[in-house]
Amino acid sequence: MEKVVVTGMGVISPLGNDTESYWQRLVRGESGISRIDAFDTSRYKAKIAGVVRDFDAEARFGRKEARRLDRFCQFALAAAEQAVDHAGLKLEQVDRERVGVYVGSGIGGVGTLLDQHKVLLERGPERVSPTLVPMMIANMAAAAISIKYGTTGPTLAPVTACSIGNTAIGEAFRLIRAGGADVVIAGGAEAAITEISLASFGNATALSARNDEPARASRPFDAGRDGFVMAEGAGILVLESLSHALRREARIYAEVIGYGASSDAYHMVATHPEGLGAYQAMKAALLEAGIRPEDVDVISAHATSTDVGDRSETLAIKKLFGDYSSRIPVTANKSMTGHLLGAASAVEAVALVKSLQHGVIPPTINQEQPDPVCDLDYVPNTAREAKLNIGISNSFGFGGHNAVIVLQAYPSTVH
């Protein structure tokens, strides 16, 4: 079977709209959380989010094209452009029948839906845009990327809630490994910081209400956590078969060596309190990678800053890694970015690739009050240099969807 490698990456995030800005701010332990200013939040429980700033869609795509794309599609397309350029991938020089696009979104074009619903109520059905449906449906990010680059290989929009990025990367990995494609553009995108989303999550008591201290609101594993912080953005990776990457003399940033998926089969929104689904997905990913728990050098945690979620993930790590769990650094990027929902794990996969490249683990910020149950090494508050060869990235979503990927440095530091 083919080996699968990462040759390009792109990011749109609350910490920056390119991979390097995002990475540097992660390493510095900076927060991208701020007050929401796109609409009046005075009646909302949560008034903060990880908002993408300084993103000018019209400047990037032109006014006509930008108006035909929901914000989540704009993010996806911008991140894909970065990733393809970063990979040095000349689409006219490859077999586009063997290039796929696996990019999903958890909520899709909810902003467009709300805008057009307002048009319907205020101006009548004659004024509703005929492009409403193609702008809001979740597969349009993948479609827009495929159309832009003329790729006619398998195109898929996985919808596994907040585990979409890892699902896309993992399924793309398996497609390439089985010989079904040479290249897959994979990841996730989300732009759901809207009135209705904020109200619903807030009424579910899922969001942090630390509105006066945005930078301190997202605090995974800390005893003072009070919920997650919504965020938006996109993460895209270019995955290739090793043979294809070598033929075109591409630079290789990491290798994908395993993927595991599972279902909690427990609750529509609540994580299994003992982390059984998370444990099963991690175990499956390590099995497919052919590695032992003690071969893992770092864990990028799902860690949304919710009470049950953070505790159950900690329990799952302890169950799989046993005594070794206390010696594995566990980092939580959402402490700085907030929760990008369907884009979260793709953006976090980019961070894990950079960690393996540079031997640096971003911190989990806002670690102030230890939680007796959450007692692992969370790389508190300051980035850490370390020898890194293999890392895993966890991602879990509503409905009990769990997806875990295993990445390895390239070339491997273990021979």
Protein backbone atom coordinates (compact mmCIF):
# COMPACT_ATOMS: atom_id res chain seq x y z
CA MET A 1 0.00 0.00 0.00
CA GLU A 2 1.01 3.59 -0.67
CA LYS A 3 2.51 5.74 2.06
CA VAL A 4 0.71 9.06 2.53
CA VAL A 5 2.45 12.36 3.21
CA VAL A 6 1.57 16.01 3.85
CA THR A 7 2.98 18.37 1.23
CA GLY A 8 0.97 21.56 1.77
CA MET A 9 -1.03 23.40 4.44
CA GLY A 10 -3.32 26.42 4.65
CA VAL A 11 -5.05 28.13 7.57
CA ILE A 12 -7.66 30.81 8.16
CA SER A 13 -8.07 31.28 11.91
CA PRO A 14 -8.59 33.68 14.81
CA LEU A 15 -4.80 33.62 15.24
CA GLY A 16 -4.01 34.60 11.68
CA ASN A 17 -4.88 33.98 8.06
CA ASP A 18 -1.82 32.03 7.05
CA THR A 19 -0.01 29.03 8.45
CA GLU A 20 3.05 30.83 9.76
CA SER A 21 1.15 33.58 11.61
CA TYR A 22 -1.12 30.99 13.16
CA TRP A 23 1.81 28.82 14.25
CA GLN A 24 3.88 31.66 15.70
CA ARG A 25 0.99 32.95 17.79
CA LEU A 26 0.22 29.42 19.03
CA VAL A 27 3.80 28.97 20.16
CA ARG A 28 3.74 32.34 21.92
CA GLY A 29 0.60 31.30 23.78
CA GLU A 30 -1.52 34.15 22.44
CA SER A 31 -5.30 34.10 22.54
CA GLY A 32 -7.43 34.82 19.48
CA ILE A 33 -10.62 35.30 21.49
CA SER A 34 -12.31 38.70 21.42
CA ARG A 35 -15.68 40.44 21.79
CA ILE A 36 -18.13 39.80 18.97
CA ASP A 37 -18.76 43.01 17.06
CA ALA A 38 -20.64 41.76 13.98
CA PHE A 39 -24.00 42.01 15.77
CA ASP A 40 -25.48 43.21 19.05
CA THR A 41 -24.74 40.65 21.79
CA SER A 42 -26.33 42.55 24.69
CA ARG A 43 -29.03 39.89 25.21
CA TYR A 44 -26.73 36.90 24.78
CA LYS A 45 -25.12 34.89 27.57
CA ALA A 46 -21.86 34.62 25.64
CA LYS A 47 -20.53 37.73 23.92
CA ILE A 48 -17.10 36.47 22.83
CA ALA A 49 -15.72 34.25 20.07
CA GLY A 50 -12.66 33.37 18.05
CA VAL A 51 -13.44 35.70 15.15
CA VAL A 52 -11.42 35.72 11.94
CA ARG A 53 -10.16 39.27 11.47
CA ASP A 54 -8.70 41.12 8.46
CA PHE A 55 -10.27 38.73 5.94
CA ASP A 56 -11.33 40.61 2.80
CA ALA A 57 -13.16 38.16 0.56
CA GLU A 58 -13.75 40.69 -2.21
CA ALA A 59 -10.06 41.51 -2.38
CA ARG A 60 -9.23 37.80 -2.60
CA PHE A 61 -11.88 36.59 -5.01
CA GLY A 62 -13.42 39.68 -6.59
CA ARG A 63 -16.81 41.12 -5.67
CA LYS A 64 -18.89 38.88 -7.95
CA GLU A 65 -17.29 35.62 -6.83
CA ALA A 66 -17.27 36.59 -3.15
CA ARG A 67 -21.01 37.31 -3.23
CA ARG A 68 -21.67 33.78 -4.51
CA LEU A 69 -19.83 32.11 -1.63
CA ASP A 70 -20.93 31.83 1.99
CA ARG A 71 -18.27 32.85 4.51
CA PHE A 72 -17.42 29.21 5.29
CA CYS A 73 -16.75 28.59 1.58
CA GLN A 74 -14.63 31.72 1.39
CA PHE A 75 -12.52 30.45 4.27
CA ALA A 76 -12.18 26.99 2.72
CA LEU A 77 -11.19 28.32 -0.67
CA ALA A 78 -8.65 30.75 0.79
CA ALA A 79 -7.06 28.00 2.92
CA ALA A 80 -7.03 25.64 -0.06
CA GLU A 81 -5.28 28.23 -2.20
CA GLN A 82 -2.61 28.55 0.48
CA ALA A 83 -2.22 24.78 0.78
CA VAL A 84 -1.98 24.13 -2.96
CA ASP A 85 0.54 26.95 -3.35
CA HIS A 86 2.49 25.72 -0.31
CA ALA A 87 2.62 22.25 -1.86
CA GLY A 88 3.94 23.64 -5.14
CA LEU A 89 1.19 21.62 -6.80
CA LYS A 90 0.77 22.55 -10.45
CA LEU A 91 -2.63 21.13 -11.30
CA GLU A 92 -2.01 21.40 -15.03
CA GLN A 93 0.96 19.05 -14.61
CA VAL A 94 -0.82 16.24 -12.73
CA ASP A 95 -3.64 13.84 -13.57
CA ARG A 96 -6.63 15.75 -12.24
CA GLU A 97 -8.75 12.61 -12.46
CA ARG A 98 -6.62 11.34 -9.57
CA VAL A 99 -6.91 14.46 -7.42
CA GLY A 100 -9.71 14.43 -4.84
CA VAL A 101 -11.21 16.98 -2.45
CA TYR A 102 -12.40 15.90 1.01
CA VAL A 103 -13.56 19.07 2.79
CA GLY A 104 -16.54 19.31 5.13
CA SER A 105 -18.42 21.72 7.35
CA GLY A 106 -20.52 21.01 10.41
CA ILE A 107 -23.09 23.76 9.99
CA GLY A 108 -22.49 25.05 6.47
CA GLY A 109 -23.88 28.36 5.29
CA VAL A 110 -26.01 29.32 8.26
CA GLY A 111 -25.14 33.00 7.76
CA THR A 112 -26.57 32.94 4.25
CA LEU A 113 -29.68 31.13 5.46
CA LEU A 114 -30.33 33.77 8.12
CA ASP A 115 -29.76 36.63 5.68
CA GLN A 116 -32.18 35.20 3.15
CA HIS A 117 -34.78 34.35 5.77
CA LYS A 118 -34.73 38.01 6.73
CA VAL A 119 -35.21 38.93 3.05
CA LEU A 120 -38.17 36.55 2.87
CA LEU A 121 -39.86 38.11 5.89
CA GLU A 122 -39.15 41.74 4.99
CA ARG A 123 -39.32 41.76 1.18
CA GLY A 124 -41.25 38.64 0.20
CA PRO A 125 -40.52 35.36 -1.60
CA GLU A 126 -39.79 37.08 -4.92
CA ARG A 127 -36.65 38.61 -3.46
CA VAL A 128 -35.08 35.45 -2.01
CA SER A 129 -31.83 34.63 -3.79
CA PRO A 130 -31.90 31.62 -6.13
CA THR A 131 -28.39 30.86 -4.90
CA LEU A 132 -29.51 30.36 -1.29
CA VAL A 133 -29.43 26.56 -1.38
CA PRO A 134 -26.10 26.12 -3.19
CA MET A 135 -24.54 28.71 -0.91
CA MET A 136 -25.71 27.10 2.35
CA ILE A 137 -25.28 23.36 1.79
CA ALA A 138 -22.24 21.88 3.50
CA ASN A 139 -20.70 20.22 0.42
CA MET A 140 -20.12 23.56 -1.32
CA ALA A 141 -16.67 24.11 0.16
CA ALA A 142 -15.46 20.89 -1.44
CA ALA A 143 -17.29 21.75 -4.65
CA ALA A 144 -15.81 25.25 -4.83
CA ILE A 145 -12.27 23.89 -4.44
CA SER A 146 -12.87 21.19 -7.05
CA ILE A 147 -14.31 23.71 -9.51
CA LYS A 148 -11.46 26.16 -8.98
CA TYR A 149 -8.77 23.59 -9.69
CA GLY A 150 -10.64 21.40 -12.17
CA THR A 151 -10.11 18.28 -10.08
CA THR A 152 -12.41 15.41 -11.08
CA GLY A 153 -11.33 12.75 -8.59
CA PRO A 154 -13.43 11.70 -5.59
CA THR A 155 -14.99 14.71 -3.87
CA LEU A 156 -16.57 14.28 -0.45
CA ALA A 157 -17.96 16.53 2.30
CA PRO A 158 -17.90 14.51 5.51
CA VAL A 159 -20.28 15.70 8.21
CA THR A 160 -19.17 14.32 11.57
CA ALA A 161 -19.75 17.50 13.58
CA CYS A 162 -16.59 18.73 15.30
CA SER A 163 -14.48 15.77 14.14
CA ILE A 164 -14.87 16.65 10.44
CA GLY A 165 -11.26 17.69 9.83
CA ASN A 166 -9.84 14.43 11.12
CA THR A 167 -12.53 12.44 9.33
CA ALA A 168 -11.61 14.16 6.06
CA ILE A 169 -7.87 13.64 6.59
CA GLY A 170 -8.33 10.04 7.73
CA GLU A 171 -10.62 9.03 4.88
CA ALA A 172 -8.35 10.78 2.37
CA PHE A 173 -5.40 8.89 3.86
CA ARG A 174 -7.19 5.59 3.29
CA LEU A 175 -8.21 6.54 -0.25
CA ILE A 176 -4.64 7.38 -1.25
CA ARG A 177 -3.18 4.39 0.56
CA ALA A 178 -5.53 2.08 -1.34
CA GLY A 179 -4.51 3.61 -4.68
CA GLY A 180 -7.78 5.48 -5.32
CA ALA A 181 -6.10 8.88 -5.72
CA ASP A 182 -2.65 10.45 -5.95
CA VAL A 183 -3.57 13.69 -4.17
CA VAL A 184 -6.41 14.75 -1.88
CA ILE A 185 -7.07 18.30 -0.69
CA ALA A 186 -8.52 17.64 2.77
CA GLY A 187 -9.84 19.56 5.76
CA GLY A 188 -12.75 21.51 7.18
CA ALA A 189 -14.29 24.97 7.29
CA GLU A 190 -16.78 26.76 9.52
CA ALA A 191 -18.36 30.21 9.83
CA ALA A 192 -21.16 29.84 12.35
CA ILE A 193 -20.69 32.86 14.63
CA THR A 194 -24.26 34.05 14.05
CA GLU A 195 -27.09 35.23 16.24
CA ILE A 196 -28.96 31.94 16.16
CA SER A 197 -25.90 29.73 16.74
CA LEU A 198 -24.71 31.85 19.66
CA ALA A 199 -28.21 31.84 21.18
CA SER A 200 -28.65 28.08 20.85
CA PHE A 201 -25.25 27.12 22.24
CA GLY A 202 -25.66 29.69 25.00
CA ASN A 203 -29.08 28.40 26.00
CA ALA A 204 -27.59 24.91 26.14
CA THR A 205 -25.16 26.32 28.76
CA ALA A 206 -22.30 25.06 26.58
CA LEU A 207 -20.49 28.39 26.13
CA SER A 208 -18.13 30.25 28.42
CA ALA A 209 -19.66 33.38 29.89
CA ARG A 210 -16.30 34.89 30.90
CA ASN A 211 -17.16 37.88 28.71
CA ASP A 212 -15.03 40.43 30.53
CA GLU A 213 -11.87 38.34 30.07
CA PRO A 214 -11.97 36.96 26.52
CA ALA A 215 -8.34 35.86 26.49
CA ARG A 216 -8.88 33.81 29.67
CA ALA A 217 -12.23 32.28 28.69
CA SER A 218 -11.09 29.11 26.94
CA ARG A 219 -9.28 27.06 29.57
CA PRO A 220 -9.24 23.33 28.77
CA PHE A 221 -8.51 21.03 31.73
CA ASP A 222 -8.49 23.95 34.18
CA ALA A 223 -10.81 23.68 37.19
CA GLY A 224 -12.22 27.14 36.41
CA ARG A 225 -13.47 26.27 32.93
CA ASP A 226 -17.11 27.12 32.24
CA GLY A 227 -17.68 26.10 28.63
CA PHE A 228 -16.24 26.39 25.15
CA VAL A 229 -15.76 29.50 23.03
CA MET A 230 -17.15 29.46 19.49
CA ALA A 231 -14.69 30.19 16.68
CA GLU A 232 -14.49 30.16 12.91
CA GLY A 233 -12.00 29.50 10.14
CA ALA A 234 -10.62 26.73 7.93
CA GLY A 235 -7.74 24.29 7.80
CA ILE A 236 -6.68 22.52 4.61
CA LEU A 237 -3.92 19.99 4.01
CA VAL A 238 -2.62 18.57 0.74
CA LEU A 239 -2.11 14.83 1.13
CA GLU A 240 -0.20 12.83 -1.47
CA SER A 241 1.07 9.37 -2.03
CA LEU A 242 4.76 9.31 -1.22
CA SER A 243 5.59 8.06 -4.72
CA HIS A 244 3.69 10.94 -6.34
CA ALA A 245 5.32 13.52 -4.06
CA LEU A 246 8.79 12.15 -4.78
CA ARG A 247 8.19 12.09 -8.54
CA ARG A 248 7.44 15.80 -8.55
CA GLU A 249 10.19 16.51 -6.01
CA ALA A 250 7.78 18.04 -3.51
CA ARG A 251 8.83 19.06 -0.04
CA ILE A 252 7.34 16.68 2.53
CA TYR A 253 6.30 17.98 5.96
CA ALA A 254 4.98 14.86 7.70
CA GLU A 255 3.57 11.40 7.10
CA VAL A 256 0.07 10.22 7.98
CA ILE A 257 0.43 6.70 9.40
CA GLY A 258 -2.89 5.94 11.12
CA TYR A 259 -6.54 6.79 11.52
CA GLY A 260 -9.20 5.55 13.90
CA ALA A 261 -12.90 6.32 14.12
CA SER A 262 -15.67 5.27 16.49
CA SER A 263 -19.07 6.18 17.86
CA ASP A 264 -19.94 6.76 21.50
CA ALA A 265 -23.45 5.35 20.88
CA TYR A 266 -24.39 7.29 23.98
CA HIS A 267 -26.04 10.72 23.57
CA MET A 268 -26.87 13.35 20.94
CA VAL A 269 -24.54 15.98 22.42
CA ALA A 270 -22.89 14.66 25.59
CA THR A 271 -19.57 12.87 25.49
CA HIS A 272 -19.47 9.41 27.03
CA PRO A 273 -18.46 10.22 30.64
CA GLU A 274 -15.81 7.48 30.68
CA GLY A 275 -14.44 8.40 27.26
CA LEU A 276 -15.06 4.94 25.81
CA GLY A 277 -15.53 6.13 22.24
CA ALA A 278 -12.43 8.33 22.44
CA TYR A 279 -10.45 5.42 23.82
CA GLN A 280 -11.65 3.13 21.04
CA ALA A 281 -10.77 5.65 18.29
CA MET A 282 -7.28 6.26 19.70
CA LYS A 283 -6.70 2.52 20.06
CA ALA A 284 -7.80 1.91 16.45
CA ALA A 285 -5.57 4.70 15.14
CA LEU A 286 -2.50 3.29 16.90
CA LEU A 287 -3.32 -0.21 15.66
CA GLU A 288 -3.56 0.95 12.06
CA ALA A 289 -0.30 2.86 12.46
CA GLY A 290 1.37 -0.27 13.83
CA ILE A 291 2.74 1.52 16.88
CA ARG A 292 2.63 1.04 20.65
CA PRO A 293 1.24 3.64 23.07
CA GLU A 294 4.76 4.37 24.30
CA ASP A 295 5.79 5.36 20.74
CA VAL A 296 3.58 8.47 20.95
CA ASP A 297 5.51 11.63 21.78
CA VAL A 298 2.69 14.18 21.94
CA ILE A 299 -1.11 14.30 21.99
CA SER A 300 -3.09 17.16 20.47
CA ALA A 301 -6.26 16.99 22.55
CA HIS A 302 -9.81 17.74 21.48
CA ALA A 303 -10.21 19.58 24.81
CA THR A 304 -12.97 22.10 24.25
CA SER A 305 -12.97 23.53 27.83
CA THR A 306 -16.16 21.77 28.93
CA ASP A 307 -16.34 19.95 32.24
CA VAL A 308 -17.40 16.48 31.09
CA GLY A 309 -15.56 16.62 27.78
CA ASP A 310 -12.14 17.42 29.22
CA ARG A 311 -12.51 14.89 32.02
CA SER A 312 -13.66 12.09 29.71
CA GLU A 313 -10.77 12.70 27.29
CA THR A 314 -8.33 12.57 30.19
CA LEU A 315 -9.86 9.27 31.32
CA ALA A 316 -9.62 7.88 27.79
CA ILE A 317 -5.94 8.79 27.57
CA LYS A 318 -5.27 7.14 30.93
CA LYS A 319 -7.14 4.00 29.89
CA LEU A 320 -5.15 3.58 26.66
CA PHE A 321 -1.72 4.76 27.78
CA GLY A 322 -1.74 3.50 31.36
CA ASP A 323 1.24 4.55 33.47
CA TYR A 324 2.83 6.15 30.39
CA SER A 325 -0.01 8.71 30.19
CA SER A 326 1.61 10.89 32.87
CA ARG A 327 4.73 11.26 30.71
CA ILE A 328 3.07 12.26 27.40
CA PRO A 329 2.72 16.00 26.78
CA VAL A 330 -0.92 16.86 25.97
CA THR A 331 -1.59 20.18 24.27
CA ALA A 332 -4.92 21.93 23.75
CA ASN A 333 -4.89 24.43 20.88
CA LYS A 334 -8.49 25.49 21.60
CA SER A 335 -7.23 27.34 24.67
CA MET A 336 -5.98 29.92 22.16
CA THR A 337 -8.17 29.55 19.08
CA GLY A 338 -11.50 28.69 20.64
CA HIS A 339 -13.51 25.88 19.08
CA LEU A 340 -13.65 26.07 15.28
CA LEU A 341 -16.31 23.33 15.21
CA GLY A 342 -16.05 21.52 11.85
CA ALA A 343 -12.72 23.23 11.08
CA ALA A 344 -11.12 22.55 14.47
CA SER A 345 -9.27 19.30 13.89
CA ALA A 346 -7.96 20.33 10.46
CA VAL A 347 -6.46 23.51 11.92
CA GLU A 348 -5.08 21.44 14.80
CA ALA A 349 -3.59 18.93 12.36
CA VAL A 350 -1.60 21.78 10.82
CA ALA A 351 -0.28 22.67 14.28
CA LEU A 352 0.72 19.06 14.90
CA VAL A 353 2.62 18.92 11.62
CA LYS A 354 4.47 22.09 12.61
CA SER A 355 5.22 20.63 16.04
CA LEU A 356 6.79 17.54 14.49
CA GLN A 357 8.77 19.72 12.10
CA HIS A 358 10.17 22.10 14.68
CA GLY A 359 10.24 20.03 17.87
CA VAL A 360 8.04 22.52 19.70
CA ILE A 361 4.78 21.82 21.54
CA PRO A 362 2.37 24.77 21.82
CA PRO A 363 1.12 25.40 25.35
CA THR A 364 -2.29 24.94 26.87
CA ILE A 365 -2.87 28.43 28.19
CA ASN A 366 -5.01 29.52 31.14
CA GLN A 367 -3.80 26.69 33.35
CA GLU A 368 -4.34 28.24 36.77
CA GLN A 369 -6.39 25.87 38.95
CA PRO A 370 -5.67 22.13 38.73
CA ASP A 371 -8.65 19.83 38.30
CA PRO A 372 -8.03 16.66 40.37
CA VAL A 373 -9.40 14.49 37.55
CA CYS A 374 -7.49 16.32 34.81
CA ASP A 375 -4.00 15.59 36.08
CA LEU A 376 -1.88 14.91 32.98
CA ASP A 377 0.94 17.03 31.57
CA TYR A 378 -0.95 19.68 29.62
CA VAL A 379 2.14 21.78 28.72
CA PRO A 380 0.85 24.60 30.93
CA ASN A 381 1.07 28.19 29.71
CA THR A 382 4.48 28.03 27.98
CA ALA A 383 5.57 26.24 24.80
CA ARG A 384 8.04 23.41 25.20
CA GLU A 385 10.88 22.12 23.05
CA ALA A 386 10.98 18.33 22.73
CA LYS A 387 12.20 15.54 20.49
CA LEU A 388 9.10 14.58 18.55
CA ASN A 389 8.61 11.75 16.10
CA ILE A 390 4.98 10.65 16.42
CA GLY A 391 1.92 12.62 17.48
CA ILE A 392 -1.79 11.90 17.59
CA SER A 393 -4.62 14.38 17.21
CA ASN A 394 -7.99 13.74 18.84
CA SER A 395 -11.29 15.09 17.61
CA PHE A 396 -14.79 14.34 18.88
CA GLY A 397 -18.19 15.63 17.78
CA PHE A 398 -21.87 15.87 18.65
CA GLY A 399 -23.63 12.58 18.09
CA GLY A 400 -20.66 10.70 19.48
CA HIS A 401 -18.45 10.89 16.37
CA ASN A 402 -14.78 10.32 17.21
CA ALA A 403 -11.84 10.60 14.80
CA VAL A 404 -8.14 10.32 15.59
CA ILE A 405 -5.17 10.67 13.24
CA VAL A 406 -1.55 9.66 13.76
CA LEU A 407 1.21 11.76 12.19
CA GLN A 408 4.92 11.05 12.01
CA ALA A 409 7.86 13.33 11.35
CA TYR A 410 9.35 13.08 7.86
CA PRO A 411 11.89 11.77 7.55
CA SER A 412 11.26 9.83 10.74
CA THR A 413 13.62 10.58 13.61
CA VAL A 414 13.51 6.89 14.56
CA HIS A 415 15.35 4.41 12.38
